[in-house]
N, C-alpha and C. Protein backbone atom coordinates (compact mmCIF):
# COMPACT_ATOMS: atom_id res chain seq x y z
N MET A 1 -6.04 -24.56 -4.21
CA MET A 1 -5.29 -23.46 -3.61
C MET A 1 -4.16 -23.05 -4.57
N ASN A 2 -4.16 -21.76 -5.00
CA ASN A 2 -3.11 -21.31 -5.92
C ASN A 2 -1.85 -20.94 -5.15
N ARG A 3 -0.79 -20.63 -5.88
CA ARG A 3 0.51 -20.41 -5.22
C ARG A 3 0.50 -19.15 -4.36
N HIS A 4 -0.30 -18.14 -4.75
CA HIS A 4 -0.38 -16.93 -3.93
C HIS A 4 -1.01 -17.25 -2.57
N GLU A 5 -2.05 -18.08 -2.58
CA GLU A 5 -2.68 -18.45 -1.32
C GLU A 5 -1.74 -19.30 -0.48
N LEU A 6 -0.99 -20.18 -1.13
CA LEU A 6 -0.01 -20.99 -0.40
C LEU A 6 1.03 -20.11 0.29
N ILE A 7 1.51 -19.09 -0.43
CA ILE A 7 2.49 -18.16 0.16
C ILE A 7 1.88 -17.44 1.35
N ASP A 8 0.62 -16.99 1.20
CA ASP A 8 -0.04 -16.28 2.29
C ASP A 8 -0.21 -17.16 3.52
N VAL A 9 -0.70 -18.38 3.30
CA VAL A 9 -0.93 -19.29 4.42
C VAL A 9 0.39 -19.60 5.13
N ALA A 10 1.44 -19.85 4.34
CA ALA A 10 2.74 -20.16 4.93
C ALA A 10 3.27 -18.97 5.72
N THR A 11 3.11 -17.76 5.18
CA THR A 11 3.57 -16.56 5.87
C THR A 11 2.85 -16.37 7.19
N ILE A 12 1.53 -16.55 7.18
CA ILE A 12 0.74 -16.37 8.39
C ILE A 12 1.12 -17.40 9.44
N ARG A 13 1.28 -18.66 9.03
CA ARG A 13 1.63 -19.70 9.99
C ARG A 13 3.02 -19.48 10.56
N PHE A 14 3.95 -19.08 9.71
CA PHE A 14 5.31 -18.83 10.19
C PHE A 14 5.33 -17.64 11.13
N SER A 15 4.56 -16.59 10.77
CA SER A 15 4.48 -15.42 11.64
C SER A 15 3.86 -15.79 12.98
N GLY A 16 2.84 -16.65 12.95
CA GLY A 16 2.23 -17.09 14.19
C GLY A 16 3.21 -17.83 15.07
N PHE A 17 4.05 -18.65 14.44
CA PHE A 17 5.07 -19.37 15.19
C PHE A 17 6.06 -18.41 15.84
N LEU A 18 6.47 -17.38 15.10
CA LEU A 18 7.46 -16.43 15.61
C LEU A 18 6.87 -15.49 16.65
N LEU A 19 5.62 -15.10 16.45
CA LEU A 19 5.05 -14.05 17.28
C LEU A 19 4.29 -14.57 18.49
N GLY A 20 4.02 -15.85 18.52
CA GLY A 20 3.35 -16.43 19.68
C GLY A 20 1.98 -15.84 19.91
N GLU A 21 1.83 -15.18 21.06
CA GLU A 21 0.51 -14.66 21.44
C GLU A 21 0.20 -13.30 20.81
N THR A 22 1.10 -12.76 20.01
CA THR A 22 0.85 -11.48 19.36
C THR A 22 -0.09 -11.71 18.18
N LYS A 23 -1.34 -11.33 18.33
CA LYS A 23 -2.33 -11.58 17.30
C LYS A 23 -3.00 -10.27 16.89
N PHE A 24 -3.48 -10.24 15.65
CA PHE A 24 -4.21 -9.08 15.18
C PHE A 24 -5.42 -8.84 16.07
N PHE A 25 -5.60 -7.58 16.47
CA PHE A 25 -6.75 -7.11 17.24
C PHE A 25 -6.85 -7.77 18.62
N ALA A 26 -5.73 -8.30 19.13
CA ALA A 26 -5.76 -8.98 20.43
C ALA A 26 -5.99 -8.01 21.57
N ARG A 27 -5.53 -6.76 21.44
CA ARG A 27 -5.66 -5.79 22.53
C ARG A 27 -6.97 -5.02 22.47
N SER A 28 -7.46 -4.77 21.24
CA SER A 28 -8.66 -3.95 21.12
C SER A 28 -9.31 -4.14 19.76
N VAL A 29 -10.64 -4.24 19.75
CA VAL A 29 -11.39 -4.25 18.50
C VAL A 29 -12.24 -2.98 18.39
N ASP A 30 -11.89 -1.98 19.16
CA ASP A 30 -12.62 -0.72 19.17
C ASP A 30 -12.11 0.17 18.05
N ALA A 31 -12.96 0.39 17.05
CA ALA A 31 -12.59 1.25 15.93
C ALA A 31 -13.85 1.72 15.22
N PRO A 32 -13.84 2.94 14.70
CA PRO A 32 -14.98 3.42 13.91
C PRO A 32 -15.04 2.69 12.57
N PRO A 33 -16.18 2.80 11.88
CA PRO A 33 -16.31 2.12 10.58
C PRO A 33 -15.22 2.53 9.59
N LEU A 34 -14.69 1.55 8.88
CA LEU A 34 -13.57 1.77 7.97
C LEU A 34 -13.90 2.81 6.89
N VAL A 35 -15.06 2.69 6.26
CA VAL A 35 -15.41 3.62 5.18
C VAL A 35 -15.56 5.04 5.72
N ASP A 36 -16.12 5.19 6.91
CA ASP A 36 -16.26 6.53 7.50
C ASP A 36 -14.90 7.17 7.72
N VAL A 37 -13.97 6.40 8.29
CA VAL A 37 -12.63 6.93 8.54
C VAL A 37 -11.95 7.30 7.23
N THR A 38 -12.10 6.46 6.22
CA THR A 38 -11.43 6.70 4.93
C THR A 38 -11.97 7.93 4.24
N THR A 39 -13.29 8.10 4.21
CA THR A 39 -13.87 9.26 3.54
C THR A 39 -13.57 10.56 4.27
N GLU A 40 -13.27 10.46 5.56
CA GLU A 40 -12.94 11.66 6.34
C GLU A 40 -11.44 11.92 6.40
N THR A 41 -10.65 11.07 5.76
CA THR A 41 -9.20 11.25 5.72
C THR A 41 -8.84 12.28 4.65
N THR A 42 -7.93 13.16 4.99
CA THR A 42 -7.50 14.21 4.07
C THR A 42 -6.35 13.72 3.20
N PRO A 43 -6.56 13.58 1.89
CA PRO A 43 -5.44 13.19 1.01
C PRO A 43 -4.34 14.24 1.08
N PRO A 44 -3.11 13.84 1.36
CA PRO A 44 -2.03 14.82 1.58
C PRO A 44 -1.42 15.32 0.28
N VAL A 45 -2.24 15.94 -0.57
CA VAL A 45 -1.78 16.36 -1.89
C VAL A 45 -0.60 17.31 -1.79
N ASP A 46 -0.64 18.24 -0.83
CA ASP A 46 0.44 19.22 -0.70
C ASP A 46 1.75 18.58 -0.24
N GLU A 47 1.66 17.42 0.46
CA GLU A 47 2.87 16.75 0.93
C GLU A 47 3.50 15.87 -0.13
N VAL A 48 2.70 15.50 -1.12
CA VAL A 48 3.22 14.64 -2.18
C VAL A 48 3.94 15.52 -3.18
N GLY A 49 5.22 15.32 -3.33
CA GLY A 49 6.00 16.13 -4.25
C GLY A 49 5.77 15.73 -5.69
N ASP A 50 6.77 15.95 -6.49
CA ASP A 50 6.70 15.60 -7.90
C ASP A 50 6.89 14.08 -8.03
N PRO A 51 5.86 13.33 -8.46
CA PRO A 51 5.99 11.87 -8.53
C PRO A 51 6.96 11.38 -9.59
N SER A 52 7.49 12.29 -10.40
CA SER A 52 8.49 11.88 -11.39
C SER A 52 9.91 12.00 -10.85
N THR A 53 10.05 12.54 -9.63
CA THR A 53 11.38 12.75 -9.05
C THR A 53 11.87 11.49 -8.36
N ALA A 54 13.10 11.09 -8.67
CA ALA A 54 13.66 9.86 -8.11
C ALA A 54 13.86 10.00 -6.60
N GLY A 55 13.74 8.86 -5.90
CA GLY A 55 13.98 8.84 -4.47
C GLY A 55 12.71 8.69 -3.67
N ARG A 56 12.84 8.10 -2.50
CA ARG A 56 11.69 7.88 -1.63
C ARG A 56 11.14 9.19 -1.09
N CYS A 57 9.83 9.28 -1.03
CA CYS A 57 9.17 10.45 -0.46
C CYS A 57 8.32 9.99 0.71
N ASP A 58 8.64 10.46 1.92
CA ASP A 58 7.86 10.14 3.10
C ASP A 58 6.69 11.11 3.20
N VAL A 59 5.52 10.56 3.50
CA VAL A 59 4.30 11.37 3.52
C VAL A 59 3.51 11.03 4.79
N VAL A 60 3.13 12.06 5.54
CA VAL A 60 2.29 11.88 6.72
C VAL A 60 0.84 12.15 6.32
N VAL A 61 -0.05 11.22 6.68
CA VAL A 61 -1.46 11.34 6.32
C VAL A 61 -2.29 11.56 7.58
N ASP A 62 -3.12 12.60 7.56
CA ASP A 62 -4.02 12.89 8.69
C ASP A 62 -5.31 12.11 8.52
N THR A 63 -5.68 11.35 9.54
CA THR A 63 -6.93 10.61 9.55
C THR A 63 -7.69 10.94 10.83
N PRO A 64 -8.97 10.58 10.92
CA PRO A 64 -9.70 10.79 12.17
C PRO A 64 -9.11 10.01 13.35
N LEU A 65 -8.25 9.03 13.08
CA LEU A 65 -7.62 8.24 14.13
C LEU A 65 -6.20 8.70 14.43
N GLY A 66 -5.80 9.82 13.87
CA GLY A 66 -4.46 10.34 14.10
C GLY A 66 -3.66 10.39 12.81
N THR A 67 -2.37 10.68 12.94
CA THR A 67 -1.49 10.75 11.78
C THR A 67 -0.76 9.43 11.58
N PHE A 68 -0.54 9.08 10.31
CA PHE A 68 0.13 7.82 9.98
C PHE A 68 1.20 8.10 8.92
N LYS A 69 2.34 7.44 9.08
CA LYS A 69 3.47 7.65 8.17
C LYS A 69 3.41 6.67 7.01
N THR A 70 3.35 7.22 5.80
CA THR A 70 3.38 6.42 4.58
C THR A 70 4.58 6.87 3.75
N ALA A 71 4.75 6.26 2.59
CA ALA A 71 5.82 6.66 1.69
C ALA A 71 5.54 6.13 0.29
N TYR A 72 6.19 6.75 -0.68
CA TYR A 72 6.13 6.19 -2.04
C TYR A 72 7.50 6.33 -2.69
N LEU A 73 7.72 5.51 -3.71
CA LEU A 73 9.00 5.49 -4.41
C LEU A 73 8.75 5.40 -5.91
N PRO A 74 9.06 6.48 -6.66
CA PRO A 74 8.98 6.40 -8.12
C PRO A 74 10.08 5.47 -8.64
N TRP A 75 9.69 4.31 -9.10
CA TRP A 75 10.69 3.31 -9.52
C TRP A 75 11.11 3.54 -10.97
N GLN A 76 10.16 3.96 -11.79
CA GLN A 76 10.47 4.22 -13.20
C GLN A 76 9.52 5.32 -13.69
N TRP A 77 10.10 6.39 -14.22
CA TRP A 77 9.28 7.45 -14.80
C TRP A 77 9.78 7.73 -16.21
N LEU A 78 8.96 7.37 -17.19
CA LEU A 78 9.35 7.54 -18.59
C LEU A 78 8.88 8.86 -19.17
N GLY A 79 7.90 9.47 -18.50
CA GLY A 79 7.44 10.77 -18.98
C GLY A 79 5.93 10.87 -19.03
N PRO A 80 5.41 12.07 -19.27
CA PRO A 80 3.97 12.30 -19.24
C PRO A 80 3.19 11.65 -20.39
N ASP A 81 3.89 11.12 -21.38
CA ASP A 81 3.21 10.48 -22.51
C ASP A 81 2.98 8.99 -22.27
N TYR A 82 3.25 8.52 -21.06
CA TYR A 82 3.10 7.11 -20.74
C TYR A 82 2.06 6.92 -19.62
N PRO A 83 1.35 5.79 -19.62
CA PRO A 83 0.44 5.50 -18.50
C PRO A 83 1.23 5.25 -17.22
N THR A 84 0.56 5.38 -16.09
CA THR A 84 1.21 5.22 -14.79
C THR A 84 0.53 4.12 -13.99
N LEU A 85 1.34 3.25 -13.40
CA LEU A 85 0.85 2.22 -12.49
C LEU A 85 1.38 2.50 -11.09
N VAL A 86 0.47 2.60 -10.12
CA VAL A 86 0.83 2.77 -8.72
C VAL A 86 0.51 1.44 -8.02
N TYR A 87 1.54 0.84 -7.41
CA TYR A 87 1.39 -0.51 -6.84
C TYR A 87 1.46 -0.47 -5.31
N HIS A 88 0.50 -1.16 -4.68
CA HIS A 88 0.46 -1.28 -3.21
C HIS A 88 0.75 -2.73 -2.82
N HIS A 89 1.67 -2.91 -1.91
CA HIS A 89 2.17 -4.22 -1.48
C HIS A 89 1.17 -4.97 -0.60
N GLY A 90 1.54 -6.19 -0.23
CA GLY A 90 0.73 -7.03 0.65
C GLY A 90 1.09 -6.84 2.12
N SER A 91 0.33 -7.50 2.97
CA SER A 91 0.51 -7.40 4.42
C SER A 91 1.87 -7.93 4.86
N GLY A 92 2.54 -7.15 5.69
CA GLY A 92 3.82 -7.59 6.25
C GLY A 92 5.00 -7.43 5.32
N GLU A 93 4.79 -6.90 4.13
CA GLU A 93 5.90 -6.73 3.19
C GLU A 93 6.61 -5.39 3.43
N ARG A 94 7.86 -5.35 3.03
CA ARG A 94 8.62 -4.10 3.03
C ARG A 94 8.95 -3.78 1.57
N PRO A 95 8.11 -2.97 0.92
CA PRO A 95 8.19 -2.82 -0.54
C PRO A 95 9.46 -2.17 -1.06
N PHE A 96 10.19 -1.46 -0.20
CA PHE A 96 11.40 -0.80 -0.67
C PHE A 96 12.66 -1.63 -0.36
N ASP A 97 12.47 -2.77 0.30
CA ASP A 97 13.57 -3.68 0.58
C ASP A 97 13.65 -4.67 -0.57
N LEU A 98 14.63 -4.49 -1.45
CA LEU A 98 14.70 -5.31 -2.66
C LEU A 98 15.71 -6.44 -2.54
N GLY A 99 16.08 -6.80 -1.30
CA GLY A 99 16.99 -7.91 -1.10
C GLY A 99 16.41 -9.22 -1.60
N ARG A 100 17.27 -10.12 -1.95
CA ARG A 100 16.85 -11.38 -2.58
C ARG A 100 15.89 -12.18 -1.72
N PHE A 101 16.05 -12.13 -0.41
CA PHE A 101 15.25 -12.97 0.47
C PHE A 101 14.14 -12.19 1.19
N SER A 102 13.90 -10.96 0.75
CA SER A 102 12.84 -10.19 1.38
C SER A 102 11.47 -10.67 0.91
N THR A 103 10.47 -10.51 1.78
CA THR A 103 9.09 -10.80 1.40
C THR A 103 8.56 -9.58 0.69
N ASN A 104 8.54 -9.63 -0.63
CA ASN A 104 8.30 -8.41 -1.38
C ASN A 104 7.69 -8.74 -2.73
N SER A 105 6.39 -8.53 -2.86
CA SER A 105 5.72 -8.82 -4.13
C SER A 105 6.14 -7.83 -5.22
N PHE A 106 6.48 -6.59 -4.84
CA PHE A 106 6.94 -5.63 -5.85
C PHE A 106 8.21 -6.15 -6.53
N ARG A 107 9.14 -6.66 -5.73
CA ARG A 107 10.38 -7.21 -6.30
C ARG A 107 10.06 -8.38 -7.22
N ARG A 108 9.20 -9.29 -6.77
CA ARG A 108 8.88 -10.48 -7.57
C ARG A 108 8.20 -10.12 -8.89
N LEU A 109 7.36 -9.09 -8.86
CA LEU A 109 6.58 -8.75 -10.05
C LEU A 109 7.34 -7.87 -11.04
N PHE A 110 8.16 -6.94 -10.52
CA PHE A 110 8.68 -5.89 -11.39
C PHE A 110 10.19 -5.84 -11.54
N LEU A 111 10.93 -6.27 -10.53
CA LEU A 111 12.38 -6.09 -10.59
C LEU A 111 12.98 -6.91 -11.73
N GLY A 112 13.69 -6.24 -12.61
CA GLY A 112 14.33 -6.90 -13.73
C GLY A 112 13.51 -6.90 -15.01
N VAL A 113 12.24 -6.59 -14.91
CA VAL A 113 11.39 -6.57 -16.11
C VAL A 113 10.81 -5.18 -16.37
N GLU A 114 11.05 -4.25 -15.45
CA GLU A 114 10.43 -2.94 -15.56
C GLU A 114 10.83 -2.20 -16.84
N GLU A 115 12.05 -2.45 -17.32
CA GLU A 115 12.49 -1.75 -18.52
C GLU A 115 11.72 -2.21 -19.75
N ASP A 116 11.11 -3.38 -19.68
CA ASP A 116 10.29 -3.87 -20.79
C ASP A 116 8.84 -3.38 -20.69
N LEU A 117 8.51 -2.69 -19.62
CA LEU A 117 7.15 -2.19 -19.41
C LEU A 117 7.10 -0.70 -19.78
N PRO A 118 6.33 -0.33 -20.79
CA PRO A 118 6.26 1.08 -21.20
C PRO A 118 5.32 1.87 -20.31
N ILE A 119 5.66 1.94 -19.01
CA ILE A 119 4.81 2.62 -18.04
C ILE A 119 5.66 3.37 -17.03
N ASN A 120 5.04 4.37 -16.41
CA ASN A 120 5.60 4.95 -15.20
C ASN A 120 5.18 4.05 -14.05
N LEU A 121 6.11 3.73 -13.17
CA LEU A 121 5.86 2.74 -12.12
C LEU A 121 6.22 3.33 -10.76
N ILE A 122 5.25 3.30 -9.85
CA ILE A 122 5.44 3.87 -8.51
C ILE A 122 5.03 2.84 -7.47
N ALA A 123 5.88 2.62 -6.47
CA ALA A 123 5.55 1.73 -5.36
C ALA A 123 5.18 2.58 -4.15
N VAL A 124 4.17 2.13 -3.39
CA VAL A 124 3.80 2.83 -2.17
C VAL A 124 4.04 1.92 -0.98
N ARG A 125 4.19 2.53 0.19
CA ARG A 125 4.38 1.77 1.43
C ARG A 125 3.34 2.20 2.46
N ALA A 126 2.65 1.22 3.01
CA ALA A 126 1.63 1.48 4.02
C ALA A 126 2.28 1.80 5.36
N PRO A 127 1.53 2.45 6.26
CA PRO A 127 2.03 2.64 7.62
C PRO A 127 2.39 1.30 8.26
N PHE A 128 3.35 1.33 9.17
CA PHE A 128 3.80 0.17 9.96
C PHE A 128 4.57 -0.86 9.13
N HIS A 129 4.94 -0.53 7.90
CA HIS A 129 5.66 -1.48 7.05
C HIS A 129 7.11 -1.07 6.77
N GLU A 130 7.63 -0.15 7.59
CA GLU A 130 9.04 0.23 7.43
C GLU A 130 9.94 -0.56 8.37
N GLY A 131 9.36 -1.24 9.36
CA GLY A 131 10.15 -1.98 10.34
C GLY A 131 10.00 -3.48 10.20
N SER A 132 10.13 -4.18 11.32
CA SER A 132 10.08 -5.63 11.32
C SER A 132 8.64 -6.13 11.34
N ASN A 133 8.45 -7.41 11.00
CA ASN A 133 7.13 -8.02 11.07
C ASN A 133 6.62 -8.07 12.50
N ARG A 134 7.52 -8.21 13.44
CA ARG A 134 7.10 -8.22 14.85
C ARG A 134 6.51 -6.86 15.24
N GLU A 135 7.16 -5.79 14.82
CA GLU A 135 6.66 -4.45 15.11
C GLU A 135 5.30 -4.22 14.43
N TYR A 136 5.18 -4.70 13.20
CA TYR A 136 3.92 -4.58 12.47
C TYR A 136 2.81 -5.33 13.19
N ALA A 137 3.07 -6.57 13.56
CA ALA A 137 2.06 -7.37 14.24
C ALA A 137 1.66 -6.75 15.58
N LYS A 138 2.63 -6.18 16.28
CA LYS A 138 2.33 -5.52 17.55
C LYS A 138 1.38 -4.35 17.34
N ALA A 139 1.64 -3.55 16.30
CA ALA A 139 0.77 -2.42 16.01
C ALA A 139 -0.64 -2.89 15.65
N MET A 140 -0.73 -4.04 14.97
CA MET A 140 -2.03 -4.55 14.56
C MET A 140 -2.80 -5.20 15.69
N GLY A 141 -2.25 -5.16 16.90
CA GLY A 141 -2.99 -5.63 18.06
C GLY A 141 -4.21 -4.78 18.36
N GLU A 142 -4.25 -3.58 17.78
CA GLU A 142 -5.39 -2.69 17.94
C GLU A 142 -6.04 -2.46 16.58
N MET A 143 -7.33 -2.74 16.51
CA MET A 143 -8.04 -2.59 15.24
C MET A 143 -7.99 -1.15 14.74
N ALA A 144 -7.94 -0.19 15.66
CA ALA A 144 -7.88 1.21 15.23
C ALA A 144 -6.65 1.47 14.37
N ASN A 145 -5.53 0.81 14.68
CA ASN A 145 -4.33 0.97 13.87
C ASN A 145 -4.51 0.36 12.48
N PHE A 146 -5.22 -0.76 12.41
CA PHE A 146 -5.50 -1.39 11.12
C PHE A 146 -6.37 -0.49 10.26
N VAL A 147 -7.44 0.05 10.85
CA VAL A 147 -8.34 0.94 10.12
C VAL A 147 -7.59 2.20 9.69
N GLY A 148 -6.81 2.77 10.59
CA GLY A 148 -6.04 3.96 10.24
C GLY A 148 -5.01 3.69 9.16
N MET A 149 -4.38 2.51 9.21
CA MET A 149 -3.41 2.14 8.18
C MET A 149 -4.05 2.11 6.81
N LEU A 150 -5.21 1.46 6.69
CA LEU A 150 -5.89 1.38 5.40
C LEU A 150 -6.32 2.77 4.93
N ALA A 151 -6.89 3.55 5.83
CA ALA A 151 -7.35 4.89 5.45
C ALA A 151 -6.19 5.76 4.99
N ALA A 152 -5.05 5.66 5.69
CA ALA A 152 -3.87 6.46 5.32
C ALA A 152 -3.33 6.03 3.95
N SER A 153 -3.31 4.73 3.69
CA SER A 153 -2.85 4.25 2.39
C SER A 153 -3.76 4.74 1.28
N VAL A 154 -5.06 4.72 1.53
CA VAL A 154 -6.00 5.23 0.53
C VAL A 154 -5.78 6.74 0.32
N GLY A 155 -5.54 7.46 1.41
CA GLY A 155 -5.26 8.89 1.28
C GLY A 155 -4.03 9.15 0.43
N LEU A 156 -2.99 8.34 0.61
CA LEU A 156 -1.79 8.48 -0.20
C LEU A 156 -2.08 8.17 -1.67
N LEU A 157 -2.84 7.10 -1.92
CA LEU A 157 -3.19 6.76 -3.30
C LEU A 157 -3.96 7.89 -3.97
N GLU A 158 -4.88 8.50 -3.23
CA GLU A 158 -5.66 9.60 -3.81
C GLU A 158 -4.77 10.81 -4.08
N ALA A 159 -3.86 11.12 -3.15
CA ALA A 159 -2.96 12.26 -3.35
C ALA A 159 -2.06 12.02 -4.56
N LEU A 160 -1.55 10.80 -4.70
CA LEU A 160 -0.71 10.48 -5.86
C LEU A 160 -1.51 10.57 -7.15
N THR A 161 -2.72 10.06 -7.13
CA THR A 161 -3.56 10.11 -8.34
C THR A 161 -3.77 11.56 -8.77
N GLU A 162 -4.04 12.44 -7.81
CA GLU A 162 -4.24 13.85 -8.14
C GLU A 162 -2.96 14.47 -8.70
N ARG A 163 -1.83 14.18 -8.07
CA ARG A 163 -0.56 14.75 -8.52
C ARG A 163 -0.18 14.26 -9.92
N ILE A 164 -0.37 12.95 -10.14
CA ILE A 164 -0.02 12.39 -11.45
C ILE A 164 -0.93 12.96 -12.53
N ALA A 165 -2.21 13.14 -12.20
CA ALA A 165 -3.16 13.71 -13.17
C ALA A 165 -2.78 15.13 -13.55
N ASP A 166 -2.07 15.83 -12.66
CA ASP A 166 -1.60 17.18 -12.99
C ASP A 166 -0.49 17.14 -14.04
N ARG A 167 0.19 16.00 -14.15
CA ARG A 167 1.35 15.91 -15.03
C ARG A 167 1.07 15.22 -16.36
N THR A 168 -0.01 14.44 -16.42
CA THR A 168 -0.26 13.65 -17.62
C THR A 168 -1.75 13.46 -17.84
N ASP A 169 -2.10 13.31 -19.10
CA ASP A 169 -3.48 12.97 -19.45
C ASP A 169 -3.62 11.47 -19.74
N GLU A 170 -2.52 10.74 -19.57
CA GLU A 170 -2.55 9.30 -19.83
C GLU A 170 -3.21 8.55 -18.67
N LEU A 171 -3.47 7.28 -18.91
CA LEU A 171 -4.17 6.43 -17.94
C LEU A 171 -3.40 6.32 -16.64
N ILE A 172 -4.14 6.35 -15.53
CA ILE A 172 -3.58 6.12 -14.20
C ILE A 172 -4.25 4.89 -13.62
N ALA A 173 -3.46 3.89 -13.28
CA ALA A 173 -3.99 2.63 -12.75
C ALA A 173 -3.43 2.37 -11.36
N LEU A 174 -4.28 1.87 -10.47
CA LEU A 174 -3.87 1.44 -9.14
C LEU A 174 -3.97 -0.07 -9.08
N SER A 175 -2.97 -0.68 -8.46
CA SER A 175 -2.98 -2.14 -8.36
C SER A 175 -2.41 -2.56 -7.02
N GLY A 176 -2.85 -3.72 -6.53
CA GLY A 176 -2.33 -4.21 -5.27
C GLY A 176 -2.63 -5.68 -5.09
N ILE A 177 -1.91 -6.28 -4.18
CA ILE A 177 -2.10 -7.68 -3.87
C ILE A 177 -2.32 -7.82 -2.37
N SER A 178 -3.26 -8.68 -1.99
CA SER A 178 -3.52 -8.94 -0.58
C SER A 178 -3.97 -7.65 0.12
N LEU A 179 -3.21 -7.16 1.08
CA LEU A 179 -3.54 -5.90 1.74
C LEU A 179 -3.68 -4.78 0.71
N GLY A 180 -2.84 -4.81 -0.31
CA GLY A 180 -2.94 -3.82 -1.38
C GLY A 180 -4.24 -3.90 -2.13
N GLY A 181 -4.78 -5.12 -2.28
CA GLY A 181 -6.07 -5.28 -2.91
C GLY A 181 -7.18 -4.64 -2.10
N TRP A 182 -7.12 -4.83 -0.77
CA TRP A 182 -8.08 -4.16 0.12
C TRP A 182 -8.01 -2.65 -0.10
N THR A 183 -6.79 -2.13 -0.10
CA THR A 183 -6.60 -0.68 -0.18
C THR A 183 -7.10 -0.12 -1.50
N VAL A 184 -6.76 -0.78 -2.59
CA VAL A 184 -7.18 -0.29 -3.91
C VAL A 184 -8.70 -0.35 -4.05
N ASN A 185 -9.31 -1.42 -3.57
CA ASN A 185 -10.77 -1.51 -3.62
C ASN A 185 -11.42 -0.42 -2.76
N LEU A 186 -10.82 -0.15 -1.60
CA LEU A 186 -11.34 0.89 -0.72
C LEU A 186 -11.21 2.26 -1.37
N HIS A 187 -10.09 2.49 -2.06
CA HIS A 187 -9.93 3.75 -2.79
C HIS A 187 -11.00 3.90 -3.86
N ARG A 188 -11.25 2.83 -4.56
CA ARG A 188 -12.28 2.88 -5.62
C ARG A 188 -13.65 3.20 -5.04
N ALA A 189 -13.96 2.61 -3.87
CA ALA A 189 -15.27 2.84 -3.25
C ALA A 189 -15.41 4.25 -2.71
N CYS A 190 -14.32 4.80 -2.17
CA CYS A 190 -14.41 6.10 -1.49
C CYS A 190 -14.05 7.29 -2.38
N PHE A 191 -13.18 7.08 -3.37
CA PHE A 191 -12.74 8.19 -4.22
C PHE A 191 -13.02 7.91 -5.70
N GLY A 192 -12.61 6.76 -6.17
CA GLY A 192 -12.90 6.37 -7.55
C GLY A 192 -12.29 7.26 -8.60
N SER A 193 -11.15 7.88 -8.31
CA SER A 193 -10.57 8.85 -9.24
C SER A 193 -9.58 8.24 -10.23
N ALA A 194 -9.12 7.01 -9.98
CA ALA A 194 -8.17 6.37 -10.91
C ALA A 194 -8.92 5.85 -12.13
N ASP A 195 -8.21 5.74 -13.24
CA ASP A 195 -8.83 5.25 -14.47
C ASP A 195 -9.07 3.74 -14.43
N ARG A 196 -8.16 3.02 -13.80
CA ARG A 196 -8.28 1.56 -13.73
C ARG A 196 -7.84 1.09 -12.36
N CYS A 197 -8.41 -0.03 -11.91
CA CYS A 197 -8.00 -0.67 -10.67
C CYS A 197 -7.84 -2.16 -10.93
N GLY A 198 -6.73 -2.71 -10.49
CA GLY A 198 -6.50 -4.14 -10.64
C GLY A 198 -6.02 -4.71 -9.33
N VAL A 199 -6.70 -5.73 -8.81
CA VAL A 199 -6.34 -6.27 -7.50
C VAL A 199 -6.29 -7.79 -7.55
N THR A 200 -5.50 -8.33 -6.64
CA THR A 200 -5.46 -9.76 -6.40
C THR A 200 -5.67 -9.96 -4.90
N GLY A 201 -6.71 -10.68 -4.54
CA GLY A 201 -6.98 -10.92 -3.14
C GLY A 201 -6.38 -12.23 -2.68
N ARG A 202 -5.83 -12.22 -1.46
CA ARG A 202 -5.32 -13.44 -0.86
C ARG A 202 -5.84 -13.52 0.55
N ARG A 203 -6.01 -14.72 1.04
CA ARG A 203 -6.53 -14.86 2.39
C ARG A 203 -5.53 -14.28 3.38
N GLN A 204 -6.04 -13.39 4.26
CA GLN A 204 -5.12 -12.65 5.11
C GLN A 204 -5.26 -12.97 6.58
N PHE A 205 -6.46 -12.89 7.12
CA PHE A 205 -6.57 -12.89 8.56
C PHE A 205 -7.52 -14.00 9.01
């Protein structure tokens, strides 16, 4: 068992202790097929502004299961002559919370070293990840919310990929860990528009 899996297992067990009977898909497992929902999701290209502009951008994504709130944050933009990495966080993380004790793989991987990386760097946030872990787990009581969350994140990744491609001819890479790995792989299967995909899978559910 590697350290990433140890972190995942510990997080899940601790969450189980805190949340008690609140379990994923406990209320409903009724949901359409994930790939069908994702391919029918409209990438919100018009809602995604200039990805080189500093500051968080909130984006609403329309899916067959309703609308879902996502967001992205351009963390470092060096210019159109540099490759771009778009990073998707893991389950239960708050990617824009950079506090020392936050559960945040983006902070662990990039904070403090980004200036040594000759890349444009963008972090994305999945639906239901702006609040507490309890709120997230409650939303995941319905599988439809899980499917919609993944589809919306993929829609955001596709919209960002299109917008970035308008600004640069350099490589565009998508990467993610855990839940982010699911999302990036799903994007590759349904859209496949990024130049590179890099994922790390961890045991989740």
